[in-house]
Protein backbone atom coordinates (compact mmCIF):
# COMPACT_ATOMS: atom_id res chain seq x y z
CA MET A 1 -12.77 53.15 16.12
CA ARG A 2 -9.58 51.72 17.23
CA ASN A 3 -11.58 50.16 20.45
CA THR A 4 -13.96 48.41 18.06
CA MET A 5 -10.72 46.98 16.11
CA VAL A 6 -9.25 45.80 18.76
CA ARG A 7 -12.61 44.27 20.40
CA GLY A 8 -12.81 42.47 16.78
CA PHE A 9 -9.13 41.43 16.83
CA CYS A 10 -9.95 39.66 20.53
CA LEU A 11 -12.76 38.21 19.47
CA GLY A 12 -11.31 36.63 16.52
CA LEU A 13 -8.66 35.67 18.90
CA LEU A 14 -11.09 33.86 21.00
CA VAL A 15 -13.13 32.16 17.97
CA THR A 16 -9.50 30.85 16.98
CA ALA A 17 -8.58 29.36 20.36
CA LEU A 18 -12.01 27.87 21.20
CA TYR A 19 -11.95 26.14 17.59
CA VAL A 20 -8.73 24.92 18.13
CA LEU A 21 -9.45 24.09 21.83
CA GLY A 22 -12.48 21.78 20.24
CA ALA A 23 -10.57 20.47 17.69
CA CYS A 24 -8.08 19.07 20.42
CA SER A 25 -10.57 17.70 22.83
CA ARG A 26 -12.23 15.66 20.34
CA PRO A 27 -11.02 12.06 20.63
CA GLN A 28 -8.42 11.35 17.95
CA LEU A 29 -7.64 8.21 15.90
CA ASN A 30 -4.19 7.38 15.06
CA ILE A 31 -3.69 5.47 11.94
CA TYR A 32 -0.20 4.35 10.42
CA ASN A 33 -0.85 3.68 6.66
CA TRP A 34 0.71 3.18 3.13
CA THR A 35 1.05 6.42 1.18
CA TYR A 36 -2.17 6.99 -1.18
CA TYR A 37 -4.04 4.25 0.47
CA THR A 38 -7.18 6.11 2.33
CA PRO A 39 -9.28 8.51 0.26
CA THR A 40 -9.40 11.81 2.03
CA SER A 41 -12.98 11.61 1.77
CA VAL A 42 -13.45 8.71 3.62
CA ILE A 43 -11.73 10.02 6.52
CA LYS A 44 -13.62 13.55 6.51
CA LYS A 45 -16.66 11.28 6.84
CA PHE A 46 -15.60 8.88 9.42
CA GLU A 47 -14.43 12.15 11.43
CA ALA A 48 -18.15 13.93 10.78
CA GLU A 49 -20.01 10.81 11.63
CA TYR A 50 -17.71 9.90 14.76
CA ASN A 51 -16.85 13.66 15.80
CA VAL A 52 -13.26 12.38 16.00
CA LYS A 53 -9.93 13.93 14.70
CA VAL A 54 -7.99 11.28 12.62
CA ASN A 55 -4.11 11.51 12.65
CA TYR A 56 -2.79 10.00 9.59
CA ASP A 57 0.73 8.96 9.04
CA VAL A 58 2.23 6.77 5.88
CA PHE A 59 5.04 4.62 5.12
CA ALA A 60 6.40 3.41 1.79
CA SER A 61 7.10 -0.50 2.70
CA ASN A 62 6.49 -2.91 5.30
CA GLU A 63 9.70 -2.80 6.08
CA GLU A 64 9.72 0.89 6.91
CA MET A 65 7.06 0.57 9.02
CA TYR A 66 8.44 -2.62 11.11
CA ALA A 67 11.52 -0.72 11.60
CA LYS A 68 9.48 2.13 13.02
CA LEU A 69 7.64 0.12 15.35
CA GLN A 70 10.39 -1.97 16.32
CA ALA A 71 12.44 1.59 16.93
CA GLY A 72 9.78 2.43 19.19
CA GLY A 73 7.44 4.44 17.15
CA SER A 74 3.97 4.22 19.19
CA GLY A 75 1.13 6.02 19.51
CA TYR A 76 -0.45 4.32 16.80
CA ASP A 77 -3.92 2.64 16.84
CA ILE A 78 -4.56 0.89 13.30
CA ILE A 79 -1.90 -0.11 11.20
CA PHE A 80 -2.04 -1.69 7.36
CA PRO A 81 0.68 -4.41 7.25
CA SER A 82 0.77 -7.33 4.18
CA GLY A 83 0.36 -10.69 5.22
CA ASP A 84 3.73 -11.91 5.86
CA TYR A 85 4.03 -8.76 8.38
CA VAL A 86 1.21 -9.79 10.00
CA SER A 87 2.56 -13.01 10.73
CA ILE A 88 5.53 -11.70 11.81
CA MET A 89 4.05 -9.10 14.22
CA VAL A 90 1.66 -11.84 15.59
CA GLN A 91 4.68 -13.79 16.60
CA GLN A 92 6.09 -11.03 18.34
CA ASP A 93 2.62 -10.29 20.25
CA MET A 94 2.63 -6.68 18.56
CA LEU A 95 -1.14 -6.75 17.64
CA GLU A 96 -4.43 -7.12 19.26
CA LYS A 97 -6.55 -10.02 18.98
CA ILE A 98 -9.58 -9.09 17.28
CA ASP A 99 -13.17 -9.04 18.77
CA LYS A 100 -15.19 -9.98 15.70
CA SER A 101 -18.67 -9.40 17.99
CA ARG A 102 -17.42 -5.83 17.86
CA LEU A 103 -17.73 -5.57 14.03
CA GLN A 104 -21.11 -5.85 11.84
CA ASN A 105 -19.57 -6.02 8.53
CA LEU A 106 -17.03 -8.51 8.56
CA ASP A 107 -19.95 -11.18 6.15
CA ASN A 108 -19.28 -8.83 3.60
CA ILE A 109 -15.60 -10.01 3.22
CA ASP A 110 -15.07 -12.63 0.26
CA PRO A 111 -14.49 -16.06 1.64
CA LEU A 112 -11.66 -16.41 -1.51
CA VAL A 113 -9.85 -13.97 0.19
CA LEU A 114 -9.64 -15.65 3.35
CA GLN A 115 -8.76 -18.84 1.46
CA LYS A 116 -5.63 -17.11 0.13
CA ALA A 117 -4.71 -15.21 3.63
CA THR A 118 -3.74 -18.49 4.93
CA TYR A 119 -1.69 -16.15 7.74
CA ASP A 120 -4.80 -15.38 9.54
CA PRO A 121 -7.69 -16.99 7.47
CA SER A 122 -10.01 -17.10 10.58
CA MET A 123 -9.32 -13.09 10.80
CA ASP A 124 -8.26 -13.42 14.51
CA TYR A 125 -5.67 -10.32 14.09
CA SER A 126 -6.41 -8.89 11.00
CA VAL A 127 -9.05 -7.78 8.63
CA PRO A 128 -8.29 -7.59 4.82
CA TYR A 129 -8.55 -4.31 3.23
CA TYR A 130 -7.44 -4.97 -0.30
CA TRP A 131 -6.03 -7.60 -2.27
CA GLY A 132 -4.04 -6.69 -5.23
CA ALA A 133 -0.28 -6.68 -6.85
CA ALA A 134 2.24 -4.07 -7.77
CA GLY A 135 2.85 -3.69 -11.58
CA ILE A 136 4.65 -1.77 -14.49
CA ALA A 137 3.65 1.72 -16.18
CA VAL A 138 4.98 2.67 -19.49
CA ASN A 139 5.21 5.90 -21.07
CA THR A 140 4.16 4.78 -24.69
CA ALA A 141 5.06 7.95 -26.11
CA LYS A 142 8.64 6.88 -25.21
CA VAL A 143 8.38 3.15 -25.36
CA PRO A 144 6.02 2.40 -28.15
CA ALA A 145 7.27 -1.10 -28.51
CA TYR A 146 7.68 -3.64 -25.36
CA GLU A 147 6.85 -6.97 -24.01
CA ARG A 148 4.57 -6.92 -21.33
CA ASN A 149 6.76 -8.76 -18.84
CA TRP A 150 9.87 -7.98 -16.31
CA SER A 151 12.10 -8.71 -19.24
CA ILE A 152 11.64 -4.84 -19.83
CA PHE A 153 14.00 -3.94 -16.89
CA SER A 154 16.78 -5.84 -19.10
CA ARG A 155 16.66 -3.49 -21.73
CA THR A 156 19.77 -1.35 -22.18
CA ASP A 157 18.12 1.13 -24.53
CA LEU A 158 16.13 2.26 -21.60
CA ARG A 159 18.60 2.73 -19.33
CA GLY A 160 18.37 5.78 -16.71
CA ARG A 161 14.87 6.17 -17.81
CA MET A 162 13.88 2.91 -15.42
CA THR A 163 13.13 2.59 -11.45
CA MET A 164 11.98 -0.45 -9.74
CA LEU A 165 10.42 -0.27 -6.13
CA ASP A 166 12.51 0.18 -3.01
CA ASP A 167 10.84 -3.47 -1.58
CA MET A 168 12.89 -6.45 -1.41
CA ARG A 169 9.98 -8.73 -1.80
CA GLU A 170 8.99 -7.29 -4.61
CA VAL A 171 11.78 -7.09 -6.62
CA PHE A 172 13.05 -10.12 -5.71
CA GLY A 173 9.45 -11.90 -6.09
CA ASP A 174 9.64 -10.22 -10.09
CA ALA A 175 12.93 -12.05 -10.50
CA LEU A 176 12.21 -15.10 -8.65
CA VAL A 177 8.94 -15.72 -11.08
CA SER A 178 11.10 -14.67 -13.99
CA LEU A 179 13.03 -17.65 -13.64
CA GLY A 180 10.25 -19.94 -13.10
CA TYR A 181 10.87 -20.25 -9.29
CA SER A 182 8.02 -19.31 -6.27
CA VAL A 183 8.48 -15.80 -4.63
CA ASN A 184 8.67 -17.41 -1.82
CA THR A 185 11.57 -19.84 -2.25
CA LYS A 186 14.00 -20.32 0.66
CA ASN A 187 16.20 -22.33 -1.83
CA SER A 188 19.50 -20.23 -1.57
CA ALA A 189 20.54 -21.06 -4.80
CA GLU A 190 17.21 -19.85 -6.41
CA LEU A 191 17.64 -16.66 -4.73
CA ALA A 192 21.11 -16.33 -5.72
CA ARG A 193 20.28 -16.74 -9.22
CA ALA A 194 17.38 -14.13 -8.93
CA ALA A 195 19.80 -11.77 -6.89
CA ALA A 196 22.42 -11.85 -9.87
CA LEU A 197 19.31 -11.29 -12.27
CA VAL A 198 18.49 -8.02 -10.27
CA ASN A 199 22.02 -6.72 -9.44
CA ASP A 200 23.64 -7.31 -13.13
CA VAL A 201 21.13 -7.35 -15.63
CA TRP A 202 18.17 -5.11 -14.27
CA LYS A 203 20.09 -2.72 -11.56
CA PRO A 204 22.57 -0.92 -14.44
CA ASN A 205 19.37 0.13 -16.17
CA LEU A 206 17.89 1.71 -13.18
CA VAL A 207 17.90 5.15 -11.79
CA LYS A 208 16.95 4.11 -8.63
CA PHE A 209 15.35 1.57 -6.08
CA ASP A 210 12.29 4.15 -5.16
CA ALA A 211 9.14 3.16 -3.10
CA GLU A 212 8.24 6.76 -2.71
CA ALA A 213 8.82 9.19 -5.67
CA PHE A 214 8.23 6.90 -8.50
CA GLY A 215 5.07 8.39 -9.57
CA LYS A 216 6.18 11.89 -9.14
CA GLY A 217 9.23 10.91 -11.51
CA TYR A 218 6.89 9.35 -13.91
CA ALA A 219 4.61 12.20 -13.93
CA ASN A 220 7.59 14.83 -14.65
CA GLY A 221 8.99 12.85 -17.58
CA ASP A 222 12.36 11.88 -15.73
CA PHE A 223 10.82 7.91 -15.82
CA TRP A 224 9.40 6.25 -18.67
CA VAL A 225 8.98 2.73 -17.22
CA VAL A 226 8.30 2.28 -13.33
CA GLN A 227 7.50 -1.06 -11.15
CA GLY A 228 4.96 0.18 -9.01
CA TYR A 229 1.51 0.64 -7.79
CA ALA A 230 -1.26 1.70 -10.41
CA GLU A 231 -2.75 4.02 -7.90
CA VAL A 232 -0.04 6.12 -7.22
CA VAL A 233 1.10 6.36 -10.90
CA TYR A 234 -2.50 7.60 -11.87
CA GLU A 235 -2.80 9.87 -8.99
CA GLU A 236 0.37 12.02 -10.10
CA ILE A 237 -0.55 12.19 -13.94
CA ALA A 238 -4.36 12.70 -13.07
CA GLU A 239 -4.16 16.36 -14.26
CA ASP A 240 -2.11 15.55 -17.48
CA PRO A 241 -4.54 14.39 -20.56
CA GLU A 242 -1.71 13.83 -22.85
CA LEU A 243 0.40 11.54 -20.35
CA LEU A 244 -2.88 9.99 -19.05
CA ARG A 245 -3.59 8.69 -22.90
CA ASP A 246 0.04 7.53 -23.36
CA THR A 247 0.34 5.42 -19.94
CA VAL A 248 -0.57 1.70 -19.92
CA PHE A 249 -0.12 -0.23 -16.58
CA PHE A 250 -0.03 -3.98 -16.86
CA ILE A 251 0.81 -6.57 -14.24
CA PRO A 252 2.80 -9.33 -16.22
CA ALA A 253 0.80 -12.57 -17.27
CA GLU A 254 3.99 -14.72 -15.94
CA GLY A 255 2.86 -13.30 -12.04
CA GLY A 256 4.74 -11.72 -9.40
CA PRO A 257 4.46 -11.06 -5.57
CA ALA A 258 0.96 -10.15 -4.55
CA TYR A 259 -0.15 -8.83 -1.87
CA ILE A 260 -3.39 -8.77 0.85
CA ASP A 261 -3.08 -5.46 3.17
CA SER A 262 -4.95 -5.44 6.34
CA MET A 263 -6.13 -3.63 9.20
CA CYS A 264 -5.26 -4.66 12.25
CA ILE A 265 -5.08 -2.76 15.69
CA LEU A 266 -1.62 -2.67 17.65
CA LYS A 267 -1.07 -4.14 21.04
CA ASN A 268 -2.17 -1.60 23.75
CA ALA A 269 -4.00 0.78 21.52
CA LYS A 270 -5.23 3.95 23.28
CA ASN A 271 -8.31 4.37 21.09
CA LEU A 272 -9.63 0.74 20.79
CA ASP A 273 -13.39 1.56 20.31
CA LEU A 274 -12.63 4.12 17.40
CA ALA A 275 -10.26 1.27 16.36
CA TYR A 276 -12.94 -1.00 15.87
CA ALA A 277 -15.52 1.64 14.52
CA PHE A 278 -13.26 2.74 11.79
CA ILE A 279 -12.63 -1.09 10.54
CA ASP A 280 -16.55 -1.67 10.60
CA PHE A 281 -16.77 1.89 8.61
CA ILE A 282 -14.33 0.95 5.74
CA HIS A 283 -16.43 -2.32 5.18
CA ARG A 284 -19.71 -0.74 4.64
CA PRO A 285 -20.00 -1.60 0.98
CA GLY A 286 -20.62 1.74 -0.01
CA ILE A 287 -17.21 3.12 2.00
CA HIS A 288 -15.42 0.36 0.67
CA ALA A 289 -16.69 0.97 -3.44
CA GLU A 290 -15.69 5.08 -2.60
CA PHE A 291 -12.29 3.58 -1.37
CA LEU A 292 -11.81 1.45 -4.68
CA ASP A 293 -13.32 3.88 -7.10
CA SER A 294 -10.71 6.67 -5.61
CA PHE A 295 -7.58 4.55 -6.50
CA GLY A 296 -8.91 2.76 -9.63
CA PHE A 297 -9.01 -0.61 -7.65
CA PRO A 298 -11.21 -3.58 -8.72
CA SER A 299 -13.50 -5.15 -6.28
CA THR A 300 -11.24 -7.59 -4.79
CA VAL A 301 -11.86 -8.34 -0.97
CA ASN A 302 -15.48 -6.89 -0.02
CA LYS A 303 -18.00 -8.83 -1.94
CA ALA A 304 -20.64 -6.33 -1.27
CA ALA A 305 -19.00 -3.26 -2.65
CA GLY A 306 -18.84 -3.93 -6.17
CA ALA A 307 -22.76 -3.15 -6.57
CA PHE A 308 -21.61 0.38 -5.32
CA LYS A 309 -19.00 0.70 -7.68
CA LYS A 310 -19.22 3.61 -10.25
CA GLU A 311 -15.62 3.38 -11.96
CA ALA A 312 -14.20 1.23 -14.12
CA PRO A 313 -10.78 -0.33 -12.52
CA LEU A 314 -7.51 0.55 -13.80
CA TYR A 315 -6.84 -3.45 -13.39
CA THR A 316 -9.37 -6.01 -12.98
CA ALA A 317 -9.22 -9.09 -10.19
CA GLY A 318 -8.28 -11.38 -13.29
CA ASP A 319 -5.15 -9.59 -13.90
CA ILE A 320 -4.01 -10.80 -10.40
CA ALA A 321 -5.05 -14.32 -10.84
CA ASN A 322 -1.78 -15.69 -11.59
CA THR A 323 0.09 -13.74 -8.71
CA GLU A 324 1.29 -15.30 -5.40
CA LEU A 325 1.07 -14.10 -2.40
CA LYS A 326 3.79 -13.32 -0.01
CA ASP A 327 4.26 -15.78 2.74
CA ASP A 328 6.20 -14.64 6.11
CA LEU A 329 10.10 -16.45 4.92
CA GLY A 330 10.91 -16.96 8.88
CA GLU A 331 14.34 -17.88 9.30
CA ALA A 332 14.91 -17.73 5.35
CA LEU A 333 14.16 -13.95 5.76
CA GLU A 334 17.86 -13.06 6.72
CA MET A 335 18.87 -14.57 3.53
CA TYR A 336 16.99 -12.42 1.78
CA ASN A 337 17.78 -9.35 3.77
CA SER A 338 21.39 -10.08 3.07
CA ALA A 339 21.22 -10.59 -0.65
CA TRP A 340 19.31 -7.23 -0.67
CA GLU A 341 21.99 -5.22 1.30
CA ASP A 342 24.35 -6.50 -1.24
CA ILE A 343 22.09 -5.07 -4.30
CA LYS A 344 21.54 -1.50 -2.43
CA VAL A 345 25.73 -0.71 -2.24
CA GLY A 346 25.68 2.25 -3.77
CA TYR A 347 21.89 3.18 -3.95
């Protein structure tokens, strides 16, 4: 009996070792993407079809992603920056030029998105992934009366129950729009007024600036109003029918910052063939529709995916019609960075 048990134990170890060895010997694709942004089901389908292991790391803001890469973070093949950071990284020679002959599904990209993507309308360095915008989630059981605009963060009666994103361009963009300015202004006086609105009026009412845990905080009842992304909030409250019923998400009609997040291949990526395969896989209409349905997104990028969608979106493409894409600010970025650092003191 003992010999049988030993043989069985050794066989188990051998099977485990062979499994691990097989997993390690598979080709690997290294992705650096936003949190909650590619469904596990899509990753698994890609892994199965191409017999590959996908390593998936996440970031919470463009600034975090860029800082990690600048600090020497390497080994990634595909990254998902927003348009303004595509521009920055192109200028700094951080991205591979896209060989469009290796992508069969680019015809599915809506020409309207490419018109909006003035930073790279020919897809020389980036392939659009999603066009959307952050908005506001409100727990209407706690906040039954509210205005559907950014002024909600001025409400002192909600002090200690609200958060905004730890994202300079998003927060300043909301303030700028509230004052009637462009989210891309380079006018120092306009930015100063927006910074004062954030620092003196909104910030005292916030628990914190948070780009990572706002969804969890909203789900557990710590926060009643959060600026953020619909998919993050609804992912966290999916198992809470009462909170689902009481939650309203909206993008203010006055507008705000919008984004086009794109798939880019990092310079000297080691797994170039798999990188192209993944980008093309994402833009198969059925796969892109699965991505959209998983996060409650409208069809804004892949014009063929709409026919394959099965779920109603959390907001519509029309809701982002009045938003403005964030551009590369060039030298004015330092002005924003300085103002943001002043606001973040103590947070």
